[in-house]
Amino acid sequence: MSDVTTFDLAEQSVRELNQHLHDVEGGSFRVTNPRGAHAVAAGIDADVAVEIDGSVGYYCAGMHQRGTVRIDGNASTGLAENMMSGTVRITGSATMSAGATGHGGLLVVEGNAGARCGISMKGIDIVVGGDVGHMSAFMAQAGTLVVLGDAADDLGDSIYEAEIYVRGSVASLGTDCVEKPVEAEHLAVLTDLLERSGLDADPADFRRYGSARELYNFHVDDIDAELADGGPDEVDAELADGGPDENGAA
């Protein structure tokens, strides 16, 4: 087993820790005495393995790429915010906006996640072992949110093309979020994410939610026909001719 480098945040600063993690290409690291510090292990872009012994503050593992971060405790706002790849796992719970704007990778919250979990997610996969708070997956554009517990009010409000799976109850769905059928392909996605997360659940117990696509300015299912009819090119031609009113009147 490779050597583990220990950073004690009672003796060393978060800046020293993060700078070291930015400078290395790999290795295993243990962080002790985080004591709610903010931005612990943020900005990682290397094949490192980081284990944090204790609870952390805002934006832990933010902008994470490659490698793994494990938090043995709880986390405050913005855990794994804008995550790109790799894996972030927390054994406790996370407060607001876990996985916000994440583009990729896997975030596992073994406990509960607070309000707006997965807000504006753009490709990240999030698996929550407990419940999620209100407006989770708000404006979620791509990726998958899996909830083994319950979901609070306004789940998936203004959702785009992300997928949501909930095993428990849903207090209410947000605007343009609807329940959808669970087909074989969706069960396969769920099975894979549950296996990767290490959380035990039967994929058949989940319900699927996604966009009704009623808020779009065009119907995505008809995009081929729309383009065949001229689409954006007609707008360009109109502008070339002087716009809606060639006299420039309002």
Protein backbone atom coordinates (compact mmCIF):
# COMPACT_ATOMS: atom_id res chain seq x y z
CA MET A 1 0.00 0.00 0.00
CA SER A 2 1.29 3.46 -0.92
CA ASP A 3 2.34 5.94 1.74
CA VAL A 4 -0.28 8.38 3.01
CA THR A 5 0.65 12.02 3.56
CA THR A 6 -1.17 13.64 6.49
CA PHE A 7 -2.19 17.29 6.71
CA ASP A 8 -3.32 18.46 10.14
CA LEU A 9 -5.42 21.59 9.71
CA ALA A 10 -4.91 22.42 13.37
CA GLU A 11 -1.24 23.03 12.44
CA GLN A 12 -1.33 23.74 8.70
CA SER A 13 -3.53 26.03 6.60
CA VAL A 14 -6.11 25.11 3.99
CA ARG A 15 -4.04 27.12 1.52
CA GLU A 16 -1.01 24.90 2.19
CA LEU A 17 -3.11 21.76 1.76
CA ASN A 18 -4.75 22.88 -1.48
CA GLN A 19 -1.51 24.16 -2.98
CA HIS A 20 0.14 20.81 -2.31
CA LEU A 21 -2.77 18.94 -3.89
CA HIS A 22 -2.49 21.20 -6.94
CA ASP A 23 1.24 20.58 -7.26
CA VAL A 24 1.27 16.77 -7.18
CA GLU A 25 0.38 14.26 -9.91
CA GLY A 26 -0.88 11.56 -7.56
CA GLY A 27 -0.72 10.06 -4.10
CA SER A 28 -2.86 9.42 -1.03
CA PHE A 29 -3.64 12.09 1.55
CA ARG A 30 -5.35 12.24 4.92
CA VAL A 31 -6.71 15.51 6.32
CA THR A 32 -7.27 15.73 10.06
CA ASN A 33 -8.94 18.40 12.19
CA PRO A 34 -10.85 20.13 9.37
CA ARG A 35 -13.13 21.71 12.03
CA GLY A 36 -15.59 23.10 9.50
CA ALA A 37 -12.98 24.83 7.34
CA HIS A 38 -14.13 26.13 3.95
CA ALA A 39 -12.85 25.09 0.50
CA VAL A 40 -10.99 22.03 1.78
CA ALA A 41 -9.53 19.99 -1.10
CA ALA A 42 -10.90 22.44 -3.68
CA GLY A 43 -9.64 22.62 -7.25
CA ILE A 44 -8.07 19.15 -7.43
CA ASP A 45 -6.97 18.15 -10.94
CA ALA A 46 -4.89 15.01 -10.39
CA ASP A 47 -5.26 11.31 -9.67
CA VAL A 48 -5.09 11.71 -5.90
CA ALA A 49 -7.05 10.05 -3.11
CA VAL A 50 -7.99 12.39 -0.26
CA GLU A 51 -9.71 11.32 2.95
CA ILE A 52 -10.97 14.04 5.30
CA ASP A 53 -11.51 13.01 8.91
CA GLY A 54 -14.29 15.27 10.13
CA SER A 55 -16.86 17.79 8.99
CA VAL A 56 -16.15 20.61 6.54
CA GLY A 57 -17.60 24.02 5.65
CA TYR A 58 -18.48 25.61 2.31
CA TYR A 59 -17.35 24.36 -1.10
CA CYS A 60 -15.40 21.29 -0.07
CA ALA A 61 -14.05 19.51 -3.18
CA GLY A 62 -15.31 22.34 -5.36
CA MET A 63 -14.24 22.28 -9.03
CA HIS A 64 -13.07 18.70 -8.55
CA GLN A 65 -11.45 16.86 -11.46
CA ARG A 66 -10.08 13.29 -11.44
CA GLY A 67 -9.16 11.46 -8.27
CA THR A 68 -11.35 10.88 -5.23
CA VAL A 69 -12.31 12.83 -2.13
CA ARG A 70 -14.00 11.16 0.85
CA ILE A 71 -15.38 13.15 3.77
CA ASP A 72 -16.04 11.23 6.98
CA GLY A 73 -18.48 13.74 8.43
CA ASN A 74 -20.89 16.41 7.20
CA ALA A 75 -20.52 19.31 4.77
CA SER A 76 -21.99 22.78 4.46
CA THR A 77 -23.08 24.63 1.31
CA GLY A 78 -21.78 23.77 -2.15
CA LEU A 79 -20.16 20.36 -1.69
CA ALA A 80 -18.49 19.38 -5.00
CA GLU A 81 -19.79 22.58 -6.64
CA ASN A 82 -18.90 22.69 -10.36
CA MET A 83 -17.39 19.19 -10.20
CA MET A 84 -16.03 17.98 -13.54
CA SER A 85 -14.96 14.35 -13.06
CA GLY A 86 -13.75 11.83 -10.49
CA THR A 87 -15.61 10.85 -7.33
CA VAL A 88 -16.62 12.74 -4.19
CA ARG A 89 -18.21 10.82 -1.32
CA ILE A 90 -19.51 12.01 2.04
CA THR A 91 -20.52 9.58 4.77
CA GLY A 92 -22.73 12.12 6.52
CA SER A 93 -25.09 14.78 5.18
CA ALA A 94 -24.65 17.88 3.02
CA THR A 95 -26.53 21.15 3.34
CA MET A 96 -27.62 23.37 0.45
CA SER A 97 -26.62 23.08 -3.20
CA ALA A 98 -24.58 19.88 -3.17
CA GLY A 99 -23.26 19.20 -6.66
CA ALA A 100 -24.41 22.59 -7.98
CA THR A 101 -23.56 23.20 -11.66
CA GLY A 102 -21.59 19.93 -11.79
CA HIS A 103 -20.50 18.91 -15.29
CA GLY A 104 -19.42 15.32 -14.63
CA GLY A 105 -18.16 12.74 -12.17
CA LEU A 106 -20.01 11.01 -9.33
CA LEU A 107 -21.10 12.62 -6.06
CA VAL A 108 -22.34 10.24 -3.35
CA VAL A 109 -24.07 11.63 -0.26
CA GLU A 110 -24.67 8.72 2.10
CA GLY A 111 -26.86 10.81 4.40
CA ASN A 112 -29.30 13.59 3.47
CA ALA A 113 -28.84 16.53 1.11
CA GLY A 114 -30.44 19.91 1.75
CA ALA A 115 -32.24 22.36 -0.51
CA ARG A 116 -31.33 22.71 -4.19
CA CYS A 117 -29.23 19.57 -4.42
CA GLY A 118 -28.05 19.37 -8.02
CA ILE A 119 -29.17 22.90 -8.92
CA SER A 120 -28.26 23.67 -12.55
CA MET A 121 -26.42 20.35 -12.86
CA LYS A 122 -24.87 19.90 -16.29
CA GLY A 123 -23.84 16.25 -16.48
CA ILE A 124 -22.87 15.19 -12.95
CA ASP A 125 -24.36 12.04 -11.42
CA ILE A 126 -25.55 12.45 -7.81
CA VAL A 127 -26.69 9.59 -5.56
CA VAL A 128 -28.22 10.49 -2.19
CA GLY A 129 -28.76 7.75 0.38
CA GLY A 130 -31.33 9.73 2.37
CA ASP A 131 -33.67 12.62 1.56
CA VAL A 132 -33.23 15.76 -0.52
CA GLY A 133 -34.54 19.24 0.27
CA HIS A 134 -36.82 21.56 -1.66
CA MET A 135 -36.12 22.56 -5.25
CA SER A 136 -33.57 19.83 -5.80
CA ALA A 137 -32.52 19.53 -9.46
CA PHE A 138 -33.79 23.09 -10.07
CA MET A 139 -32.97 24.00 -13.69
CA ALA A 140 -31.02 20.75 -14.01
CA GLN A 141 -29.73 20.53 -17.57
CA ALA A 142 -28.05 17.12 -17.81
CA GLY A 143 -26.96 14.25 -15.59
CA THR A 144 -28.79 12.07 -13.10
CA LEU A 145 -30.04 12.59 -9.55
CA VAL A 146 -30.89 9.40 -7.63
CA VAL A 147 -32.63 9.72 -4.25
CA LEU A 148 -33.07 6.66 -2.06
CA GLY A 149 -35.23 8.56 0.43
CA ASP A 150 -37.86 11.27 -0.02
CA ALA A 151 -37.85 14.53 -1.98
CA ALA A 152 -39.23 17.80 -0.61
CA ASP A 153 -41.30 20.40 -2.48
CA ASP A 154 -40.78 21.56 -6.07
CA LEU A 155 -38.56 18.73 -7.23
CA GLY A 156 -37.09 19.38 -10.67
CA ASP A 157 -38.51 22.87 -11.05
CA SER A 158 -37.79 24.22 -14.58
CA ILE A 159 -35.78 21.09 -15.38
CA TYR A 160 -34.19 20.65 -18.81
CA GLU A 161 -32.90 17.20 -19.84
CA ALA A 162 -31.57 15.77 -16.56
CA GLU A 163 -33.12 12.58 -15.13
CA ILE A 164 -34.39 12.15 -11.56
CA TYR A 165 -35.10 8.86 -9.79
CA VAL A 166 -36.74 8.79 -6.36
CA ARG A 167 -37.45 5.68 -4.29
CA GLY A 168 -39.47 7.42 -1.58
CA SER A 169 -42.21 10.03 -1.68
CA VAL A 170 -42.17 13.36 -3.53
CA ALA A 171 -43.85 16.25 -1.71
CA SER A 172 -44.53 18.09 -4.98
CA LEU A 173 -43.10 18.51 -8.46
CA GLY A 174 -41.84 21.85 -9.70
CA THR A 175 -42.91 23.64 -12.85
CA ASP A 176 -42.59 21.49 -15.99
CA CYS A 177 -41.42 18.40 -14.08
CA VAL A 178 -43.51 15.27 -14.62
CA GLU A 179 -43.36 11.58 -13.81
CA LYS A 180 -42.18 9.42 -16.70
CA PRO A 181 -42.18 5.67 -17.41
CA VAL A 182 -39.25 3.54 -16.24
CA GLU A 183 -38.02 1.42 -19.15
CA ALA A 184 -35.28 -1.20 -19.33
CA GLU A 185 -32.67 1.41 -20.31
CA HIS A 186 -33.48 3.45 -17.21
CA LEU A 187 -33.20 0.41 -14.96
CA ALA A 188 -29.75 -0.21 -16.45
CA VAL A 189 -28.67 3.36 -15.63
CA LEU A 190 -29.99 3.02 -12.08
CA THR A 191 -28.30 -0.34 -11.56
CA ASP A 192 -24.95 1.08 -12.67
CA LEU A 193 -25.19 4.18 -10.45
CA LEU A 194 -26.28 2.20 -7.39
CA GLU A 195 -23.39 -0.23 -7.86
CA ARG A 196 -20.89 2.58 -8.28
CA SER A 197 -22.24 4.43 -5.25
CA GLY A 198 -22.13 1.33 -3.04
CA LEU A 199 -25.66 2.04 -1.80
CA ASP A 200 -28.07 -0.87 -1.54
CA ALA A 201 -31.45 -0.49 -3.26
CA ASP A 202 -33.61 -2.29 -5.81
CA PRO A 203 -33.80 -0.28 -9.07
CA ALA A 204 -37.38 -1.49 -9.53
CA ASP A 205 -38.44 0.54 -6.47
CA PHE A 206 -37.71 3.91 -8.07
CA ARG A 207 -39.93 6.32 -9.97
CA ARG A 208 -38.57 8.48 -12.77
CA TYR A 209 -39.09 12.22 -13.29
CA GLY A 210 -38.05 14.62 -16.02
CA SER A 211 -39.02 17.57 -18.18
CA ALA A 212 -42.44 17.91 -19.81
CA ARG A 213 -40.68 20.23 -22.28
CA GLU A 214 -43.47 22.79 -22.11
CA LEU A 215 -41.19 25.70 -21.21
CA TYR A 216 -39.00 25.35 -24.29
CA ASN A 217 -39.16 27.96 -27.06
CA PHE A 218 -39.27 25.06 -29.50
CA HIS A 219 -40.34 21.44 -29.22
CA VAL A 220 -37.14 19.41 -29.08
CA ASP A 221 -38.89 16.33 -30.47
CA ASP A 222 -39.69 18.32 -33.65
CA ILE A 223 -36.29 19.94 -34.11
CA ASP A 224 -35.50 18.03 -37.33
CA ALA A 225 -38.74 19.20 -38.93
CA GLU A 226 -38.17 22.76 -37.70
CA LEU A 227 -34.71 22.88 -39.23
CA ALA A 228 -36.06 21.40 -42.46
CA ASP A 229 -38.57 24.28 -42.62
CA GLY A 230 -35.81 26.87 -42.41
CA GLY A 231 -35.26 27.29 -38.68
CA PRO A 232 -32.60 29.85 -37.71
CA ASP A 233 -31.67 30.50 -41.36
CA GLU A 234 -35.01 32.24 -41.92
CA VAL A 235 -34.24 34.65 -39.10
CA ASP A 236 -30.82 35.42 -40.61
CA ALA A 237 -32.42 36.12 -44.00
CA GLU A 238 -35.00 38.43 -42.43
CA LEU A 239 -32.31 40.42 -40.64
CA ALA A 240 -30.32 40.70 -43.88
CA ASP A 241 -33.38 42.25 -45.53
CA GLY A 242 -33.65 44.91 -42.88
CA GLY A 243 -35.44 43.14 -40.05
CA PRO A 244 -39.15 43.10 -39.26
CA ASP A 245 -39.52 46.79 -40.26
CA GLU A 246 -37.17 48.08 -42.94
CA ASN A 247 -38.06 51.66 -41.98
CA GLY A 248 -36.66 51.08 -38.50
CA ALA A 249 -39.94 51.93 -36.78
CA ALA A 250 -40.41 50.57 -33.29
